Amino acid sequence: MRQTGKLDYLELAATGGSLDSIKAFYAAAFGWSFTDYGPTYAAFDEGLEGGFQAERDEAPAAPLPVLFSENLEETLAGVQAAGGVVLLPIFAFPGGRRFHFADPAGNELAVWGE
């Protein structure tokens, strides 16, 4: 349910690689699917709606999106198998554990688990 002031959409740059390579990475690592809106934009709806912008002049400065995983080690292996680069290996923080990785476009993301 959408509410004023609540996180509703996440847009990431896809200027460091091809849009097809970004879509292939997220499909392989997390099972995501996409809706294409022209040659430079692909949207997703995977728990949080968002999209990747490949047009350099329109790409946002990317925040650190954080994904959830019930099995952090399994997810880490999937990220690496799909071509992701681990930036910070699994570490503990108050409330759980997480790791950071870079996707093929150079976006930094994190995955956390309890």
C-alpha atoms as a PDB file:
ATOM      1  CA  MET A   1       0.000   0.000   0.000  1.00  0.00           C
ATOM      2  CA  ARG A   2       1.420   3.342  -0.976  1.00  0.00           C
ATOM      3  CA  GLN A   3       1.653   6.014   1.718  1.00  0.00           C
ATOM      4  CA  THR A   4       2.987   9.549   1.743  1.00  0.00           C
ATOM      5  CA  GLY A   5       6.560   9.609   2.982  1.00  0.00           C
ATOM      6  CA  LYS A   6       7.175   5.843   2.569  1.00  0.00           C
ATOM      7  CA  LEU A   7       9.764   4.381   0.235  1.00  0.00           C
ATOM      8  CA  ASP A   8       7.919   3.574  -2.990  1.00  0.00           C
ATOM      9  CA  TYR A   9      10.368   3.351  -5.886  1.00  0.00           C
ATOM     10  CA  LEU A  10      14.066   2.969  -6.455  1.00  0.00           C
ATOM     11  CA  GLU A  11      15.817   4.136  -9.589  1.00  0.00           C
ATOM     12  CA  LEU A  12      19.395   3.123 -10.309  1.00  0.00           C
ATOM     13  CA  ALA A  13      21.906   4.072 -12.964  1.00  0.00           C
ATOM     14  CA  ALA A  14      22.760   1.507 -15.620  1.00  0.00           C
ATOM     15  CA  THR A  15      25.408   3.579 -17.378  1.00  0.00           C
ATOM     16  CA  GLY A  16      28.449   1.446 -16.457  1.00  0.00           C
ATOM     17  CA  GLY A  17      27.310  -1.539 -18.529  1.00  0.00           C
ATOM     18  CA  SER A  18      24.667  -2.431 -21.042  1.00  0.00           C
ATOM     19  CA  LEU A  19      21.047  -2.495 -19.909  1.00  0.00           C
ATOM     20  CA  ASP A  20      20.867  -6.112 -21.109  1.00  0.00           C
ATOM     21  CA  SER A  21      23.825  -7.100 -18.897  1.00  0.00           C
ATOM     22  CA  ILE A  22      22.200  -5.452 -15.859  1.00  0.00           C
ATOM     23  CA  LYS A  23      18.912  -7.262 -16.486  1.00  0.00           C
ATOM     24  CA  ALA A  24      20.735 -10.568 -17.000  1.00  0.00           C
ATOM     25  CA  PHE A  25      22.638 -10.121 -13.723  1.00  0.00           C
ATOM     26  CA  TYR A  26      19.540  -9.473 -11.597  1.00  0.00           C
ATOM     27  CA  ALA A  27      17.606 -12.253 -13.350  1.00  0.00           C
ATOM     28  CA  ALA A  28      20.422 -14.745 -12.657  1.00  0.00           C
ATOM     29  CA  ALA A  29      21.265 -13.621  -9.112  1.00  0.00           C
ATOM     30  CA  PHE A  30      17.753 -12.969  -7.766  1.00  0.00           C
ATOM     31  CA  GLY A  31      15.194 -14.206 -10.321  1.00  0.00           C
ATOM     32  CA  TRP A  32      13.985 -10.704 -11.198  1.00  0.00           C
ATOM     33  CA  SER A  33      11.911  -9.931 -14.288  1.00  0.00           C
ATOM     34  CA  PHE A  34      11.614  -6.624 -16.122  1.00  0.00           C
ATOM     35  CA  THR A  35       9.285  -4.453 -18.167  1.00  0.00           C
ATOM     36  CA  ASP A  36      11.113  -2.473 -20.834  1.00  0.00           C
ATOM     37  CA  TYR A  37      10.112   1.128 -21.499  1.00  0.00           C
ATOM     38  CA  GLY A  38      12.156   1.902 -24.577  1.00  0.00           C
ATOM     39  CA  PRO A  39      15.802   1.049 -25.181  1.00  0.00           C
ATOM     40  CA  THR A  40      17.220   2.822 -22.106  1.00  0.00           C
ATOM     41  CA  TYR A  41      14.825   1.981 -19.266  1.00  0.00           C
ATOM     42  CA  ALA A  42      13.762  -1.269 -17.624  1.00  0.00           C
ATOM     43  CA  ALA A  43      11.415  -1.359 -14.638  1.00  0.00           C
ATOM     44  CA  PHE A  44      11.132  -4.012 -11.923  1.00  0.00           C
ATOM     45  CA  ASP A  45       8.638  -4.866  -9.179  1.00  0.00           C
ATOM     46  CA  GLU A  46      10.426  -7.151  -6.754  1.00  0.00           C
ATOM     47  CA  GLY A  47       9.114  -6.233  -3.316  1.00  0.00           C
ATOM     48  CA  LEU A  48       9.907  -2.594  -4.039  1.00  0.00           C
ATOM     49  CA  GLU A  49       9.157  -1.057  -7.377  1.00  0.00           C
ATOM     50  CA  GLY A  50      11.988   0.637  -9.196  1.00  0.00           C
ATOM     51  CA  GLY A  51      13.889   0.874 -12.443  1.00  0.00           C
ATOM     52  CA  PHE A  52      17.257   1.143 -14.121  1.00  0.00           C
ATOM     53  CA  GLN A  53      18.093   4.225 -16.162  1.00  0.00           C
ATOM     54  CA  ALA A  54      20.711   3.714 -18.881  1.00  0.00           C
ATOM     55  CA  GLU A  55      20.545   7.277 -20.269  1.00  0.00           C
ATOM     56  CA  ARG A  56      23.649   8.928 -18.797  1.00  0.00           C
ATOM     57  CA  ASP A  57      22.093  12.423 -18.655  1.00  0.00           C
ATOM     58  CA  GLU A  58      19.064  11.117 -16.759  1.00  0.00           C
ATOM     59  CA  ALA A  59      20.723   8.570 -14.451  1.00  0.00           C
ATOM     60  CA  PRO A  60      20.464   9.383 -10.738  1.00  0.00           C
ATOM     61  CA  ALA A  61      23.271   9.288  -8.207  1.00  0.00           C
ATOM     62  CA  ALA A  62      22.647   5.835  -6.744  1.00  0.00           C
ATOM     63  CA  PRO A  63      21.840   5.317  -3.043  1.00  0.00           C
ATOM     64  CA  LEU A  64      22.662   2.069  -1.248  1.00  0.00           C
ATOM     65  CA  PRO A  65      19.712  -0.228  -1.783  1.00  0.00           C
ATOM     66  CA  VAL A  66      19.533  -3.058   0.730  1.00  0.00           C
ATOM     67  CA  LEU A  67      17.984  -6.395  -0.186  1.00  0.00           C
ATOM     68  CA  PHE A  68      16.857  -9.080   2.261  1.00  0.00           C
ATOM     69  CA  SER A  69      17.889 -12.744   2.232  1.00  0.00           C
ATOM     70  CA  GLU A  70      16.738 -15.704   4.323  1.00  0.00           C
ATOM     71  CA  ASN A  71      20.066 -17.428   3.533  1.00  0.00           C
ATOM     72  CA  LEU A  72      22.899 -14.928   3.261  1.00  0.00           C
ATOM     73  CA  GLU A  73      25.579 -17.423   2.228  1.00  0.00           C
ATOM     74  CA  GLU A  74      23.405 -18.831  -0.558  1.00  0.00           C
ATOM     75  CA  THR A  75      22.627 -15.339  -1.821  1.00  0.00           C
ATOM     76  CA  LEU A  76      26.305 -14.371  -1.718  1.00  0.00           C
ATOM     77  CA  ALA A  77      27.147 -17.435  -3.827  1.00  0.00           C
ATOM     78  CA  GLY A  78      24.401 -16.490  -6.308  1.00  0.00           C
ATOM     79  CA  VAL A  79      25.694 -12.931  -6.604  1.00  0.00           C
ATOM     80  CA  GLN A  80      29.220 -14.170  -7.290  1.00  0.00           C
ATOM     81  CA  ALA A  81      28.032 -16.808  -9.778  1.00  0.00           C
ATOM     82  CA  ALA A  82      26.104 -14.125 -11.679  1.00  0.00           C
ATOM     83  CA  GLY A  83      29.205 -11.926 -11.971  1.00  0.00           C
ATOM     84  CA  GLY A  84      28.792  -9.584  -8.990  1.00  0.00           C
ATOM     85  CA  VAL A  85      31.892  -8.283  -7.211  1.00  0.00           C
ATOM     86  CA  VAL A  86      31.887  -8.564  -3.417  1.00  0.00           C
ATOM     87  CA  LEU A  87      32.954  -5.227  -1.924  1.00  0.00           C
ATOM     88  CA  LEU A  88      32.513  -6.180   1.747  1.00  0.00           C
ATOM     89  CA  PRO A  89      32.262  -9.832   2.786  1.00  0.00           C
ATOM     90  CA  ILE A  90      29.575 -10.917   5.236  1.00  0.00           C
ATOM     91  CA  PHE A  91      29.855  -9.001   8.507  1.00  0.00           C
ATOM     92  CA  ALA A  92      27.707  -8.571  11.602  1.00  0.00           C
ATOM     93  CA  PHE A  93      25.901  -5.358  12.455  1.00  0.00           C
ATOM     94  CA  PRO A  94      23.261  -4.575  15.098  1.00  0.00           C
ATOM     95  CA  GLY A  95      20.202  -6.525  13.986  1.00  0.00           C
ATOM     96  CA  GLY A  96      21.804  -9.007  11.623  1.00  0.00           C
ATOM     97  CA  ARG A  97      24.525  -9.641   9.078  1.00  0.00           C
ATOM     98  CA  ARG A  98      25.114  -8.320   5.583  1.00  0.00           C
ATOM     99  CA  PHE A  99      27.484  -8.039   2.649  1.00  0.00           C
ATOM    100  CA  HIS A 100      27.997  -5.386  -0.024  1.00  0.00           C
ATOM    101  CA  PHE A 101      28.546  -6.020  -3.713  1.00  0.00           C
ATOM    102  CA  ALA A 102      28.838  -4.180  -7.008  1.00  0.00           C
ATOM    103  CA  ASP A 103      26.659  -5.145  -9.958  1.00  0.00           C
ATOM    104  CA  PRO A 104      27.989  -5.109 -13.542  1.00  0.00           C
ATOM    105  CA  ALA A 105      27.195  -1.371 -13.857  1.00  0.00           C
ATOM    106  CA  GLY A 106      29.173  -0.533 -10.711  1.00  0.00           C
ATOM    107  CA  ASN A 107      26.142   0.133  -8.472  1.00  0.00           C
ATOM    108  CA  GLU A 108      26.839  -0.731  -4.830  1.00  0.00           C
ATOM    109  CA  LEU A 109      24.139  -2.712  -3.056  1.00  0.00           C
ATOM    110  CA  ALA A 110      23.900  -4.620   0.192  1.00  0.00           C
ATOM    111  CA  VAL A 111      22.111  -7.808   1.197  1.00  0.00           C
ATOM    112  CA  TRP A 112      21.181  -8.423   4.813  1.00  0.00           C
ATOM    113  CA  GLY A 113      19.761 -11.303   6.816  1.00  0.00           C
ATOM    114  CA  GLU A 114      18.825 -11.920  10.409  1.00  0.00           C
END
